[in-house]
Protein backbone atom coordinates (compact mmCIF):
# COMPACT_ATOMS: atom_id res chain seq x y z
CA MET A 1 4.08 5.49 20.62
CA THR A 2 0.90 7.41 21.37
CA PHE A 3 -2.30 5.49 22.07
CA PRO A 4 -5.16 5.30 21.50
CA ILE A 5 -4.76 6.05 17.80
CA THR A 6 -7.46 8.48 16.75
CA ASP A 7 -8.89 10.10 13.65
CA VAL A 8 -9.12 6.89 11.67
CA ASN A 9 -12.18 6.67 9.41
CA ILE A 10 -13.70 3.16 9.44
CA LEU A 11 -16.32 2.36 6.80
CA GLU A 12 -18.15 -0.95 7.06
CA ASN A 13 -19.60 -3.23 4.39
CA ALA A 14 -18.69 -1.06 1.40
CA THR A 15 -19.04 -2.71 -1.99
CA ASP A 16 -16.29 -2.72 -4.60
CA THR A 17 -18.23 -0.04 -6.48
CA GLN A 18 -18.44 2.19 -3.43
CA ILE A 19 -14.72 1.83 -2.80
CA ALA A 20 -14.04 2.67 -6.47
CA ASP A 21 -16.24 5.76 -6.07
CA TRP A 22 -14.22 6.81 -3.02
CA LEU A 23 -10.92 6.29 -4.82
CA GLU A 24 -12.17 8.25 -7.83
CA GLY A 25 -12.95 11.20 -5.59
CA ARG A 26 -9.56 11.13 -3.89
CA LEU A 27 -7.66 10.84 -7.16
CA ALA A 28 -9.69 13.63 -8.75
CA ARG A 29 -8.87 15.89 -5.82
CA ALA A 30 -5.17 15.01 -5.98
CA LEU A 31 -5.05 15.69 -9.72
CA GLU A 32 -6.81 19.03 -9.28
CA SER A 33 -4.22 20.09 -6.68
CA THR A 34 -1.30 20.01 -9.12
CA ASP A 35 -0.48 20.41 -12.79
CA GLY A 36 2.11 17.63 -12.55
CA PRO A 37 1.93 13.88 -12.02
CA VAL A 38 0.36 12.19 -9.00
CA ALA A 39 2.07 9.11 -7.60
CA ILE A 40 0.05 6.39 -5.91
CA ALA A 41 0.99 3.04 -4.37
CA LEU A 42 -1.23 0.02 -4.92
CA PRO A 43 -1.39 -3.42 -3.27
CA GLY A 44 -1.33 -6.84 -4.87
CA GLY A 45 -3.42 -9.86 -4.01
CA SER A 46 -6.97 -10.72 -5.02
CA THR A 47 -8.84 -7.89 -3.28
CA PRO A 48 -7.76 -4.77 -5.20
CA PHE A 49 -8.13 -5.84 -8.82
CA PRO A 50 -11.95 -6.07 -8.99
CA ILE A 51 -12.02 -2.57 -7.48
CA LEU A 52 -9.37 -1.29 -9.90
CA GLU A 53 -11.27 -2.78 -12.83
CA GLN A 54 -14.14 -0.48 -11.94
CA LEU A 55 -11.90 2.48 -11.17
CA VAL A 56 -10.18 2.52 -14.57
CA ARG A 57 -13.53 3.10 -16.26
CA ARG A 58 -13.84 6.46 -14.51
CA ASN A 59 -13.14 9.72 -16.34
CA LEU A 60 -9.83 10.78 -14.79
CA ASP A 61 -6.66 12.16 -16.34
CA TRP A 62 -4.90 8.82 -16.10
CA SER A 63 -1.94 10.09 -18.13
CA ARG A 64 -0.79 12.04 -15.05
CA VAL A 65 -0.99 9.08 -12.67
CA LYS A 66 2.12 7.08 -11.78
CA ALA A 67 1.40 3.80 -9.99
CA TYR A 68 3.88 1.85 -7.88
CA PRO A 69 3.23 -1.55 -6.27
CA THR A 70 3.55 -1.43 -2.50
CA ASP A 71 5.41 -4.73 -2.78
CA ASP A 72 6.02 -7.52 -5.25
CA ARG A 73 7.25 -11.07 -5.64
CA ILE A 74 10.67 -11.26 -7.24
CA VAL A 75 9.57 -12.99 -10.42
CA PRO A 76 9.46 -11.90 -14.10
CA GLU A 77 6.66 -9.47 -14.88
CA ASP A 78 4.97 -12.02 -17.13
CA HIS A 79 4.73 -14.47 -14.22
CA ALA A 80 1.26 -14.98 -12.75
CA ALA A 81 2.56 -13.97 -9.29
CA SER A 82 3.87 -10.56 -10.43
CA ASN A 83 1.93 -7.62 -9.00
CA THR A 84 3.69 -5.27 -11.40
CA GLY A 85 2.69 -7.34 -14.41
CA LYS A 86 -0.96 -7.38 -13.35
CA LEU A 87 -0.94 -3.63 -12.72
CA ARG A 88 0.61 -2.99 -16.13
CA ALA A 89 -2.01 -5.11 -17.90
CA LEU A 90 -4.87 -3.27 -16.22
CA LEU A 91 -3.62 0.30 -15.90
CA GLU A 92 -1.34 0.98 -18.85
CA PRO A 93 -4.14 0.71 -21.48
CA VAL A 94 -5.81 3.78 -19.90
CA GLY A 95 -2.56 5.76 -19.77
CA VAL A 96 -1.21 5.13 -16.26
CA GLU A 97 2.57 4.87 -15.98
CA VAL A 98 3.30 1.78 -13.89
CA LYS A 99 6.68 1.84 -12.14
CA ALA A 100 8.32 -1.41 -11.04
CA LEU A 101 10.19 -1.49 -7.73
CA ALA A 102 13.93 -1.86 -8.08
CA VAL A 103 15.22 -4.99 -6.36
CA PRO A 104 18.02 -4.30 -3.87
CA ASP A 105 20.96 -6.67 -4.34
CA SER A 106 22.01 -6.77 -0.71
CA GLY A 107 18.67 -6.28 1.02
CA THR A 108 19.18 -2.52 1.40
CA MET A 109 18.81 0.45 -0.90
CA SER A 110 19.05 4.11 0.00
CA PHE A 111 15.92 6.25 -0.12
CA GLU A 112 17.49 8.56 -2.68
CA SER A 113 18.82 5.91 -5.07
CA ALA A 114 15.51 4.04 -5.10
CA HIS A 115 13.71 7.07 -6.64
CA ILE A 116 10.56 6.54 -4.60
CA PRO A 117 8.38 9.69 -4.76
CA GLU A 118 6.06 11.30 -2.29
CA PHE A 119 2.70 9.60 -2.78
CA GLY A 120 -0.61 11.34 -3.11
CA LEU A 121 -2.28 8.16 -1.88
CA VAL A 122 -1.06 4.83 -0.50
CA TRP A 123 -3.51 1.93 -0.67
CA LEU A 124 -2.58 -0.98 1.54
CA GLY A 125 -3.99 -4.34 2.43
CA MET A 126 -3.52 -5.87 5.85
CA GLY A 127 -3.10 -9.52 6.75
CA ALA A 128 -4.66 -11.24 9.74
CA ASP A 129 -1.12 -11.33 11.15
CA GLY A 130 -0.95 -7.52 10.97
CA HIS A 131 1.43 -7.34 8.02
CA ILE A 132 1.26 -4.51 5.49
CA ALA A 133 2.87 -4.60 2.03
CA SER A 134 5.48 -7.33 2.58
CA LEU A 135 6.45 -6.04 6.02
CA PHE A 136 5.66 -9.15 8.06
CA PRO A 137 5.91 -9.24 11.85
CA ASN A 138 9.11 -11.30 11.76
CA THR A 139 10.85 -8.63 9.63
CA ASP A 140 10.67 -6.12 12.52
CA PRO A 141 10.08 -3.05 10.29
CA GLN A 142 11.39 0.16 11.84
CA ILE A 143 10.03 3.65 11.29
CA GLU A 144 13.55 5.08 11.47
CA GLU A 145 14.90 2.75 8.79
CA GLY A 146 16.78 4.96 6.35
CA ILE A 147 15.97 2.99 3.21
CA ALA A 148 13.07 2.95 0.78
CA LEU A 149 13.07 -0.70 -0.29
CA ARG A 150 13.80 -4.03 1.34
CA ARG A 151 14.33 -7.46 -0.11
CA LEU A 152 13.15 -10.25 2.17
CA THR A 153 11.92 -13.82 2.41
CA PRO A 154 8.49 -14.21 4.05
CA ASP A 155 8.45 -16.48 7.10
CA PRO A 156 6.46 -18.63 6.85
CA LEU A 157 6.81 -18.79 3.08
CA PRO A 158 3.30 -18.96 1.53
CA PRO A 159 3.01 -22.22 -0.45
CA GLU A 160 0.94 -20.47 -3.14
CA ALA A 161 3.67 -17.85 -3.68
CA PRO A 162 7.04 -19.25 -2.53
CA PHE A 163 9.10 -16.28 -3.67
CA ASP A 164 11.33 -13.63 -2.18
CA ARG A 165 9.74 -10.18 -2.02
CA VAL A 166 10.65 -6.55 -2.54
CA THR A 167 8.67 -4.07 -0.48
CA LEU A 168 8.39 -0.41 0.30
CA THR A 169 9.62 0.28 3.83
CA MET A 170 7.82 2.13 6.60
CA ARG A 171 9.73 5.28 5.65
CA ALA A 172 8.63 5.10 2.03
CA LEU A 173 5.00 4.29 2.90
CA LEU A 174 4.78 7.16 5.36
CA ASN A 175 5.86 9.61 2.66
CA SER A 176 2.23 9.95 1.60
CA ASP A 177 -0.60 12.47 1.85
CA GLU A 178 -3.26 9.87 2.65
CA PHE A 179 -3.77 6.16 3.37
CA VAL A 180 -6.57 3.77 2.54
CA PHE A 181 -6.91 0.13 3.59
CA VAL A 182 -9.29 -2.56 2.38
CA ALA A 183 -9.20 -5.18 5.14
CA ARG A 184 -12.36 -7.25 5.23
CA GLY A 185 -13.18 -10.03 7.68
CA GLU A 186 -13.66 -10.41 11.42
CA ASP A 187 -10.09 -11.58 12.00
CA LYS A 188 -8.66 -8.47 10.37
CA ARG A 189 -11.13 -6.22 12.21
CA ALA A 190 -9.89 -7.65 15.50
CA VAL A 191 -6.29 -6.87 14.52
CA LEU A 192 -7.28 -3.32 13.54
CA ASP A 193 -9.13 -2.74 16.81
CA GLY A 194 -6.09 -3.99 18.71
CA ALA A 195 -3.80 -1.68 16.75
CA LEU A 196 -5.94 1.36 17.50
CA LYS A 197 -5.83 0.54 21.22
CA GLY A 198 -2.11 -0.25 21.23
CA GLU A 199 -2.67 -3.84 22.30
CA HIS A 200 0.09 -5.20 20.07
CA ASP A 201 3.17 -4.05 18.16
CA LEU A 202 2.46 -5.45 14.71
CA PRO A 203 3.49 -3.62 11.51
CA ILE A 204 0.02 -2.09 11.10
CA THR A 205 0.26 -0.67 14.62
CA ARG A 206 3.66 0.85 13.95
CA LEU A 207 2.48 2.55 10.76
CA LEU A 208 -0.66 4.00 12.33
CA ALA A 209 1.18 5.15 15.44
CA ALA A 210 3.91 6.85 13.39
CA ARG A 211 1.31 8.63 11.31
CA ASN A 212 -0.41 9.65 14.54
CA GLU A 213 2.78 11.10 16.05
CA ASP A 214 3.96 12.94 12.93
CA HIS A 215 1.15 14.86 11.25
CA LEU A 216 -2.30 13.40 10.96
CA ARG A 217 -2.48 12.17 7.40
CA PRO A 218 -6.02 10.93 6.70
CA VAL A 219 -6.52 7.19 7.08
CA THR A 220 -9.60 5.31 5.86
CA PHE A 221 -10.34 1.63 6.48
CA PHE A 222 -12.91 -0.28 4.46
CA VAL A 223 -13.77 -3.31 6.61
């Protein structure tokens, strides 16, 4: 891995409205660059939905946007813990096609059979433990992993969401033109600073370092 990791745009104290403005600009640019659909990956949790609620009011050609969750709990879509269900409820009324992640039976699924596209934009959260999507430190996610999806059990299992997960792998996440993170709080900022300096080998560090070594896809952090 190459350190320090450079060319990462860090924006401090942005409001939800400002982040929605930024996302609107990026999506508009992606839509203008092609006559076809634009695929994006979106996180779950409590942080993104207030931002998305503002974003869907913007005048974009939503009918050409295909949205995938970066990860999900393995529950029915009408369950309160389903990221896919929440995305459908918010995005489908404006014309977005929301695509659920297939759940691998054995914990592995080939990149080709999973039908995961190249993304115009991947939006990720980051935990204070350095996890991204549902790639937790104990899962030892590898850049070279030749699959698009993994099924796993978080360890420790969060008591508020005690469910197995399905997640995009490092390979699938890296198949993107651009990355954006919303990772607020001093604890997460410390993890980010450590990742940029190469002070640890957490999933966030591996993703940023791989992006740094391949070709420099833009990365923006709202902290």
